[in-house]
Amino acid sequence: LGKPVLVTRECGFFQELKDKLIFINPLDTADIRKKIELILNKEVYKAYEEEIKKINSERSFTGLAREHIELFNPLIKTKIKK
């Protein structure tokens, strides 16, 4: 959608997009406040919006969900068999 977002490192895209997105620590209210205040700045917001539009990730959230399913399915099946 090309709109600025705040995401956590655990979103699955940190390594790929660490230099392009603004990441927050969801357990640190001061960090969340700082990052929200950052993107409320109109100049920062506009620049961030333009940077996000340039992102061409080969991974999608659907693909990421599939990766998690593939990772956890064997663990779930092993647990059920016991």
PDB file of N, CA and C in Angstrom:
ATOM      1  N   LEU A   1       0.813  -1.202   0.000  1.00  0.00           N
ATOM      2  CA  LEU A   1       0.000   0.000   0.000  1.00  0.00           C
ATOM      3  C   LEU A   1       0.852   1.260   0.000  1.00  0.00           C
ATOM      4  N   GLY A   2       2.119   1.117   0.338  1.00  0.00           N
ATOM      5  CA  GLY A   2       3.016   2.260   0.288  1.00  0.00           C
ATOM      6  C   GLY A   2       2.853   3.262   1.413  1.00  0.00           C
ATOM      7  N   LYS A   3       2.228   2.868   2.499  1.00  0.00           N
ATOM      8  CA  LYS A   3       2.040   3.774   3.630  1.00  0.00           C
ATOM      9  C   LYS A   3       3.013   3.424   4.746  1.00  0.00           C
ATOM     10  N   PRO A   4       3.513   4.438   5.445  1.00  0.00           N
ATOM     11  CA  PRO A   4       4.442   4.187   6.540  1.00  0.00           C
ATOM     12  C   PRO A   4       3.849   3.291   7.622  1.00  0.00           C
ATOM     13  N   VAL A   5       4.688   2.427   8.131  1.00  0.00           N
ATOM     14  CA  VAL A   5       4.288   1.499   9.185  1.00  0.00           C
ATOM     15  C   VAL A   5       5.381   1.435  10.236  1.00  0.00           C
ATOM     16  N   LEU A   6       4.990   1.048  11.416  1.00  0.00           N
ATOM     17  CA  LEU A   6       5.940   0.721  12.470  1.00  0.00           C
ATOM     18  C   LEU A   6       5.814  -0.774  12.680  1.00  0.00           C
ATOM     19  N   VAL A   7       6.915  -1.472  12.643  1.00  0.00           N
ATOM     20  CA  VAL A   7       6.877  -2.927  12.765  1.00  0.00           C
ATOM     21  C   VAL A   7       7.891  -3.394  13.804  1.00  0.00           C
ATOM     22  N   THR A   8       7.682  -4.610  14.287  1.00  0.00           N
ATOM     23  CA  THR A   8       8.624  -5.180  15.244  1.00  0.00           C
ATOM     24  C   THR A   8       9.664  -6.011  14.504  1.00  0.00           C
ATOM     25  N   ARG A   9      10.773  -6.256  15.164  1.00  0.00           N
ATOM     26  CA  ARG A   9      11.830  -7.086  14.574  1.00  0.00           C
ATOM     27  C   ARG A   9      11.311  -8.495  14.289  1.00  0.00           C
ATOM     28  N   GLU A  10      10.294  -8.900  15.021  1.00  0.00           N
ATOM     29  CA  GLU A  10       9.766 -10.256  14.897  1.00  0.00           C
ATOM     30  C   GLU A  10       8.792 -10.424  13.742  1.00  0.00           C
ATOM     31  N   CYS A  11       8.640  -9.426  12.913  1.00  0.00           N
ATOM     32  CA  CYS A  11       7.658  -9.486  11.824  1.00  0.00           C
ATOM     33  C   CYS A  11       8.067 -10.462  10.726  1.00  0.00           C
ATOM     34  N   GLY A  12       9.323 -10.862  10.706  1.00  0.00           N
ATOM     35  CA  GLY A  12       9.791 -11.793   9.691  1.00  0.00           C
ATOM     36  C   GLY A  12      10.525 -11.122   8.546  1.00  0.00           C
ATOM     37  N   PHE A  13      10.554  -9.819   8.551  1.00  0.00           N
ATOM     38  CA  PHE A  13      11.199  -9.080   7.471  1.00  0.00           C
ATOM     39  C   PHE A  13      12.381  -8.244   7.954  1.00  0.00           C
ATOM     40  N   PHE A  14      12.788  -8.415   9.198  1.00  0.00           N
ATOM     41  CA  PHE A  14      13.818  -7.539   9.758  1.00  0.00           C
ATOM     42  C   PHE A  14      15.108  -7.569   8.948  1.00  0.00           C
ATOM     43  N   GLN A  15      15.651  -8.737   8.709  1.00  0.00           N
ATOM     44  CA  GLN A  15      16.928  -8.819   7.992  1.00  0.00           C
ATOM     45  C   GLN A  15      16.841  -8.202   6.607  1.00  0.00           C
ATOM     46  N   GLU A  16      15.741  -8.433   5.947  1.00  0.00           N
ATOM     47  CA  GLU A  16      15.566  -7.954   4.577  1.00  0.00           C
ATOM     48  C   GLU A  16      15.320  -6.444   4.505  1.00  0.00           C
ATOM     49  N   LEU A  17      14.637  -5.897   5.511  1.00  0.00           N
ATOM     50  CA  LEU A  17      14.195  -4.501   5.423  1.00  0.00           C
ATOM     51  C   LEU A  17      14.682  -3.612   6.565  1.00  0.00           C
ATOM     52  N   LYS A  18      15.697  -4.049   7.291  1.00  0.00           N
ATOM     53  CA  LYS A  18      16.139  -3.295   8.470  1.00  0.00           C
ATOM     54  C   LYS A  18      16.602  -1.878   8.150  1.00  0.00           C
ATOM     55  N   ASP A  19      17.043  -1.638   6.932  1.00  0.00           N
ATOM     56  CA  ASP A  19      17.495  -0.298   6.559  1.00  0.00           C
ATOM     57  C   ASP A  19      16.405   0.526   5.884  1.00  0.00           C
ATOM     58  N   LYS A  20      15.216  -0.049   5.734  1.00  0.00           N
ATOM     59  CA  LYS A  20      14.148   0.642   5.015  1.00  0.00           C
ATOM     60  C   LYS A  20      12.923   0.941   5.875  1.00  0.00           C
ATOM     61  N   LEU A  21      12.656   0.108   6.878  1.00  0.00           N
ATOM     62  CA  LEU A  21      11.479   0.295   7.723  1.00  0.00           C
ATOM     63  C   LEU A  21      11.875   0.815   9.098  1.00  0.00           C
ATOM     64  N   ILE A  22      10.905   1.368   9.793  1.00  0.00           N
ATOM     65  CA  ILE A  22      11.128   1.806  11.172  1.00  0.00           C
ATOM     66  C   ILE A  22      10.639   0.683  12.084  1.00  0.00           C
ATOM     67  N   PHE A  23      11.558   0.138  12.852  1.00  0.00           N
ATOM     68  CA  PHE A  23      11.248  -0.971  13.744  1.00  0.00           C
ATOM     69  C   PHE A  23      11.108  -0.476  15.175  1.00  0.00           C
ATOM     70  N   ILE A  24      10.169  -1.079  15.889  1.00  0.00           N
ATOM     71  CA  ILE A  24       9.935  -0.717  17.285  1.00  0.00           C
ATOM     72  C   ILE A  24      10.112  -1.934  18.178  1.00  0.00           C
ATOM     73  N   ASN A  25      10.396  -1.648  19.433  1.00  0.00           N
ATOM     74  CA  ASN A  25      10.380  -2.680  20.459  1.00  0.00           C
ATOM     75  C   ASN A  25       8.987  -2.627  21.079  1.00  0.00           C
ATOM     76  N   PRO A  26       8.153  -3.653  20.865  1.00  0.00           N
ATOM     77  CA  PRO A  26       6.773  -3.597  21.343  1.00  0.00           C
ATOM     78  C   PRO A  26       6.640  -3.598  22.865  1.00  0.00           C
ATOM     79  N   LEU A  27       7.720  -3.889  23.556  1.00  0.00           N
ATOM     80  CA  LEU A  27       7.683  -3.911  25.019  1.00  0.00           C
ATOM     81  C   LEU A  27       8.244  -2.633  25.636  1.00  0.00           C
ATOM     82  N   ASP A  28       8.631  -1.696  24.795  1.00  0.00           N
ATOM     83  CA  ASP A  28       9.252  -0.456  25.264  1.00  0.00           C
ATOM     84  C   ASP A  28       8.382   0.735  24.858  1.00  0.00           C
ATOM     85  N   THR A  29       7.571   1.212  25.794  1.00  0.00           N
ATOM     86  CA  THR A  29       6.649   2.304  25.463  1.00  0.00           C
ATOM     87  C   THR A  29       7.387   3.574  25.054  1.00  0.00           C
ATOM     88  N   ALA A  30       8.563   3.804  25.612  1.00  0.00           N
ATOM     89  CA  ALA A  30       9.339   4.988  25.226  1.00  0.00           C
ATOM     90  C   ALA A  30       9.777   4.882  23.764  1.00  0.00           C
ATOM     91  N   ASP A  31      10.173   3.692  23.343  1.00  0.00           N
ATOM     92  CA  ASP A  31      10.575   3.485  21.952  1.00  0.00           C
ATOM     93  C   ASP A  31       9.381   3.657  21.016  1.00  0.00           C
ATOM     94  N   ILE A  32       8.245   3.105  21.401  1.00  0.00           N
ATOM     95  CA  ILE A  32       7.034   3.242  20.579  1.00  0.00           C
ATOM     96  C   ILE A  32       6.672   4.718  20.441  1.00  0.00           C
ATOM     97  N   ARG A  33       6.677   5.434  21.556  1.00  0.00           N
ATOM     98  CA  ARG A  33       6.355   6.869  21.536  1.00  0.00           C
ATOM     99  C   ARG A  33       7.323   7.626  20.630  1.00  0.00           C
ATOM    100  N   LYS A  34       8.612   7.331  20.774  1.00  0.00           N
ATOM    101  CA  LYS A  34       9.645   8.010  19.981  1.00  0.00           C
ATOM    102  C   LYS A  34       9.418   7.794  18.483  1.00  0.00           C
ATOM    103  N   LYS A  35       9.111   6.556  18.092  1.00  0.00           N
ATOM    104  CA  LYS A  35       8.930   6.245  16.673  1.00  0.00           C
ATOM    105  C   LYS A  35       7.629   6.846  16.131  1.00  0.00           C
ATOM    106  N   ILE A  36       6.582   6.869  16.946  1.00  0.00           N
ATOM    107  CA  ILE A  36       5.331   7.506  16.515  1.00  0.00           C
ATOM    108  C   ILE A  36       5.562   8.997  16.312  1.00  0.00           C
ATOM    109  N   GLU A  37       6.238   9.618  17.264  1.00  0.00           N
ATOM    110  CA  GLU A  37       6.538  11.046  17.130  1.00  0.00           C
ATOM    111  C   GLU A  37       7.392  11.307  15.893  1.00  0.00           C
ATOM    112  N   LEU A  38       8.290  10.386  15.594  1.00  0.00           N
ATOM    113  CA  LEU A  38       9.146  10.523  14.417  1.00  0.00           C
ATOM    114  C   LEU A  38       8.316  10.582  13.137  1.00  0.00           C
ATOM    115  N   ILE A  39       7.389   9.631  12.969  1.00  0.00           N
ATOM    116  CA  ILE A  39       6.632   9.627  11.711  1.00  0.00           C
ATOM    117  C   ILE A  39       5.494  10.645  11.698  1.00  0.00           C
ATOM    118  N   LEU A  40       5.227  11.276  12.828  1.00  0.00           N
ATOM    119  CA  LEU A  40       4.253  12.366  12.827  1.00  0.00           C
ATOM    120  C   LEU A  40       4.845  13.642  12.231  1.00  0.00           C
ATOM    121  N   ASN A  41       6.163  13.684  12.133  1.00  0.00           N
ATOM    122  CA  ASN A  41       6.830  14.797  11.468  1.00  0.00           C
ATOM    123  C   ASN A  41       6.532  14.675   9.971  1.00  0.00           C
ATOM    124  N   LYS A  42       5.920  15.696   9.396  1.00  0.00           N
ATOM    125  CA  LYS A  42       5.467  15.625   7.999  1.00  0.00           C
ATOM    126  C   LYS A  42       6.594  15.329   7.018  1.00  0.00           C
ATOM    127  N   GLU A  43       7.764  15.915   7.241  1.00  0.00           N
ATOM    128  CA  GLU A  43       8.891  15.670   6.330  1.00  0.00           C
ATOM    129  C   GLU A  43       9.377  14.229   6.434  1.00  0.00           C
ATOM    130  N   VAL A  44       9.488  13.736   7.652  1.00  0.00           N
ATOM    131  CA  VAL A  44       9.917  12.350   7.862  1.00  0.00           C
ATOM    132  C   VAL A  44       8.883  11.399   7.269  1.00  0.00           C
ATOM    133  N   TYR A  45       7.605  11.681   7.519  1.00  0.00           N
ATOM    134  CA  TYR A  45       6.527  10.832   6.999  1.00  0.00           C
ATOM    135  C   TYR A  45       6.600  10.742   5.475  1.00  0.00           C
ATOM    136  N   LYS A  46       6.738  11.878   4.828  1.00  0.00           N
ATOM    137  CA  LYS A  46       6.776  11.912   3.357  1.00  0.00           C
ATOM    138  C   LYS A  46       7.986  11.135   2.824  1.00  0.00           C
ATOM    139  N   ALA A  47       9.150  11.343   3.441  1.00  0.00           N
ATOM    140  CA  ALA A  47      10.356  10.631   3.006  1.00  0.00           C
ATOM    141  C   ALA A  47      10.206   9.130   3.231  1.00  0.00           C
ATOM    142  N   TYR A  48       9.631   8.755   4.360  1.00  0.00           N
ATOM    143  CA  TYR A  48       9.419   7.339   4.688  1.00  0.00           C
ATOM    144  C   TYR A  48       8.423   6.717   3.712  1.00  0.00           C
ATOM    145  N   GLU A  49       7.375   7.460   3.399  1.00  0.00           N
ATOM    146  CA  GLU A  49       6.373   6.991   2.445  1.00  0.00           C
ATOM    147  C   GLU A  49       7.018   6.709   1.085  1.00  0.00           C
ATOM    148  N   GLU A  50       7.881   7.604   0.638  1.00  0.00           N
ATOM    149  CA  GLU A  50       8.571   7.413  -0.648  1.00  0.00           C
ATOM    150  C   GLU A  50       9.513   6.207  -0.588  1.00  0.00           C
ATOM    151  N   GLU A  51      10.192   6.040   0.527  1.00  0.00           N
ATOM    152  CA  GLU A  51      11.113   4.907   0.685  1.00  0.00           C
ATOM    153  C   GLU A  51      10.351   3.585   0.658  1.00  0.00           C
ATOM    154  N   ILE A  52       9.208   3.553   1.303  1.00  0.00           N
ATOM    155  CA  ILE A  52       8.402   2.329   1.334  1.00  0.00           C
ATOM    156  C   ILE A  52       7.916   1.960  -0.063  1.00  0.00           C
ATOM    157  N   LYS A  53       7.591   2.943  -0.859  1.00  0.00           N
ATOM    158  CA  LYS A  53       7.128   2.668  -2.225  1.00  0.00           C
ATOM    159  C   LYS A  53       8.201   1.987  -3.062  1.00  0.00           C
ATOM    160  N   LYS A  54       9.460   2.171  -2.692  1.00  0.00           N
ATOM    161  CA  LYS A  54      10.575   1.574  -3.434  1.00  0.00           C
ATOM    162  C   LYS A  54      10.814   0.112  -3.057  1.00  0.00           C
ATOM    163  N   ILE A  55      10.228  -0.318  -1.959  1.00  0.00           N
ATOM    164  CA  ILE A  55      10.468  -1.684  -1.486  1.00  0.00           C
ATOM    165  C   ILE A  55       9.830  -2.676  -2.441  1.00  0.00           C
ATOM    166  N   ASN A  56      10.642  -3.593  -2.890  1.00  0.00           N
ATOM    167  CA  ASN A  56      10.162  -4.656  -3.767  1.00  0.00           C
ATOM    168  C   ASN A  56      10.571  -5.975  -3.132  1.00  0.00           C
ATOM    169  N   SER A  57       9.840  -6.355  -2.132  1.00  0.00           N
ATOM    170  CA  SER A  57      10.166  -7.570  -1.402  1.00  0.00           C
ATOM    171  C   SER A  57       9.670  -8.796  -2.161  1.00  0.00           C
ATOM    172  N   GLU A  58      10.520  -9.776  -2.243  1.00  0.00           N
ATOM    173  CA  GLU A  58      10.113 -11.030  -2.872  1.00  0.00           C
ATOM    174  C   GLU A  58       9.280 -11.863  -1.914  1.00  0.00           C
ATOM    175  N   ARG A  59       9.328 -11.507  -0.646  1.00  0.00           N
ATOM    176  CA  ARG A  59       8.550 -12.223   0.358  1.00  0.00           C
ATOM    177  C   ARG A  59       7.272 -11.449   0.631  1.00  0.00           C
ATOM    178  N   SER A  60       6.209 -12.177   0.881  1.00  0.00           N
ATOM    179  CA  SER A  60       4.936 -11.559   1.226  1.00  0.00           C
ATOM    180  C   SER A  60       4.525 -12.067   2.602  1.00  0.00           C
ATOM    181  N   PHE A  61       3.520 -11.425   3.184  1.00  0.00           N
ATOM    182  CA  PHE A  61       3.037 -11.909   4.470  1.00  0.00           C
ATOM    183  C   PHE A  61       2.408 -13.291   4.311  1.00  0.00           C
ATOM    184  N   THR A  62       1.802 -13.556   3.167  1.00  0.00           N
ATOM    185  CA  THR A  62       1.250 -14.887   2.905  1.00  0.00           C
ATOM    186  C   THR A  62       2.381 -15.907   2.841  1.00  0.00           C
ATOM    187  N   GLY A  63       3.446 -15.549   2.145  1.00  0.00           N
ATOM    188  CA  GLY A  63       4.605 -16.434   2.067  1.00  0.00           C
ATOM    189  C   GLY A  63       5.239 -16.650   3.426  1.00  0.00           C
ATOM    190  N   LEU A  64       5.296 -15.590   4.204  1.00  0.00           N
ATOM    191  CA  LEU A  64       5.850 -15.691   5.554  1.00  0.00           C
ATOM    192  C   LEU A  64       4.995 -16.614   6.419  1.00  0.00           C
ATOM    193  N   ALA A  65       3.682 -16.506   6.282  1.00  0.00           N
ATOM    194  CA  ALA A  65       2.780 -17.393   7.029  1.00  0.00           C
ATOM    195  C   ALA A  65       3.019 -18.845   6.621  1.00  0.00           C
ATOM    196  N   ARG A  66       3.204 -19.076   5.332  1.00  0.00           N
ATOM    197  CA  ARG A  66       3.480 -20.442   4.860  1.00  0.00           C
ATOM    198  C   ARG A  66       4.793 -20.966   5.442  1.00  0.00           C
ATOM    199  N   GLU A  67       5.803 -20.102   5.510  1.00  0.00           N
ATOM    200  CA  GLU A  67       7.082 -20.504   6.102  1.00  0.00           C
ATOM    201  C   GLU A  67       6.885 -20.936   7.555  1.00  0.00           C
ATOM    202  N   HIS A  68       6.079 -20.186   8.290  1.00  0.00           N
ATOM    203  CA  HIS A  68       5.816 -20.530   9.688  1.00  0.00           C
ATOM    204  C   HIS A  68       5.055 -21.856   9.795  1.00  0.00           C
ATOM    205  N   ILE A  69       4.094 -22.057   8.924  1.00  0.00           N
ATOM    206  CA  ILE A  69       3.335 -23.312   8.935  1.00  0.00           C
ATOM    207  C   ILE A  69       4.268 -24.482   8.661  1.00  0.00           C
ATOM    208  N   GLU A  70       5.141 -24.336   7.666  1.00  0.00           N
ATOM    209  CA  GLU A  70       6.093 -25.399   7.341  1.00  0.00           C
ATOM    210  C   GLU A  70       7.043 -25.661   8.503  1.00  0.00           C
ATOM    211  N   LEU A  71       7.399 -24.618   9.212  1.00  0.00           N
ATOM    212  CA  LEU A  71       8.302 -24.752  10.350  1.00  0.00           C
ATOM    213  C   LEU A  71       7.628 -25.456  11.524  1.00  0.00           C
ATOM    214  N   PHE A  72       6.393 -25.069  11.811  1.00  0.00           N
ATOM    215  CA  PHE A  72       5.726 -25.581  13.006  1.00  0.00           C
ATOM    216  C   PHE A  72       4.950 -26.876  12.799  1.00  0.00           C
ATOM    217  N   ASN A  73       4.529 -27.183  11.586  1.00  0.00           N
ATOM    218  CA  ASN A  73       3.764 -28.408  11.349  1.00  0.00           C
ATOM    219  C   ASN A  73       4.469 -29.663  11.854  1.00  0.00           C
ATOM    220  N   PRO A  74       5.743 -29.863  11.548  1.00  0.00           N
ATOM    221  CA  PRO A  74       6.409 -31.074  12.066  1.00  0.00           C
ATOM    222  C   PRO A  74       6.417 -31.116  13.596  1.00  0.00           C
ATOM    223  N   LEU A  75       6.561 -29.981  14.223  1.00  0.00           N
ATOM    224  CA  LEU A  75       6.565 -29.945  15.685  1.00  0.00           C
ATOM    225  C   LEU A  75       5.190 -30.296  16.243  1.00  0.00           C
ATOM    226  N   ILE A  76       4.160 -29.779  15.605  1.00  0.00           N
ATOM    227  CA  ILE A  76       2.792 -30.051  16.048  1.00  0.00           C
ATOM    228  C   ILE A  76       2.467 -31.527  15.850  1.00  0.00           C
ATOM    229  N   LYS A  77       2.833 -32.080  14.707  1.00  0.00           N
ATOM    230  CA  LYS A  77       2.552 -33.489  14.424  1.00  0.00           C
ATOM    231  C   LYS A  77       3.288 -34.396  15.398  1.00  0.00           C
ATOM    232  N   THR A  78       4.522 -34.055  15.739  1.00  0.00           N
ATOM    233  CA  THR A  78       5.291 -34.838  16.702  1.00  0.00           C
ATOM    234  C   THR A  78       4.620 -34.794  18.063  1.00  0.00           C
ATOM    235  N   LYS A  79       4.160 -33.637  18.463  1.00  0.00           N
ATOM    236  CA  LYS A  79       3.505 -33.462  19.761  1.00  0.00           C
ATOM    237  C   LYS A  79       2.207 -34.257  19.820  1.00  0.00           C
ATOM    238  N   ILE A  80       1.454 -34.279  18.730  1.00  0.00           N
ATOM    239  CA  ILE A  80       0.174 -34.985  18.690  1.00  0.00           C
ATOM    240  C   ILE A  80       0.384 -36.496  18.781  1.00  0.00           C
ATOM    241  N   LYS A  81       1.443 -37.018  18.167  1.00  0.00           N
ATOM    242  CA  LYS A  81       1.705 -38.457  18.160  1.00  0.00           C
ATOM    243  C   LYS A  81       2.055 -38.986  19.543  1.00  0.00           C
ATOM    244  N   LYS A  82       2.582 -38.151  20.416  1.00  0.00           N
ATOM    245  CA  LYS A  82       3.025 -38.617  21.743  1.00  0.00           C
ATOM    246  C   LYS A  82       1.900 -38.966  22.639  1.00  0.00           C
TER     247      LYS A  82
END
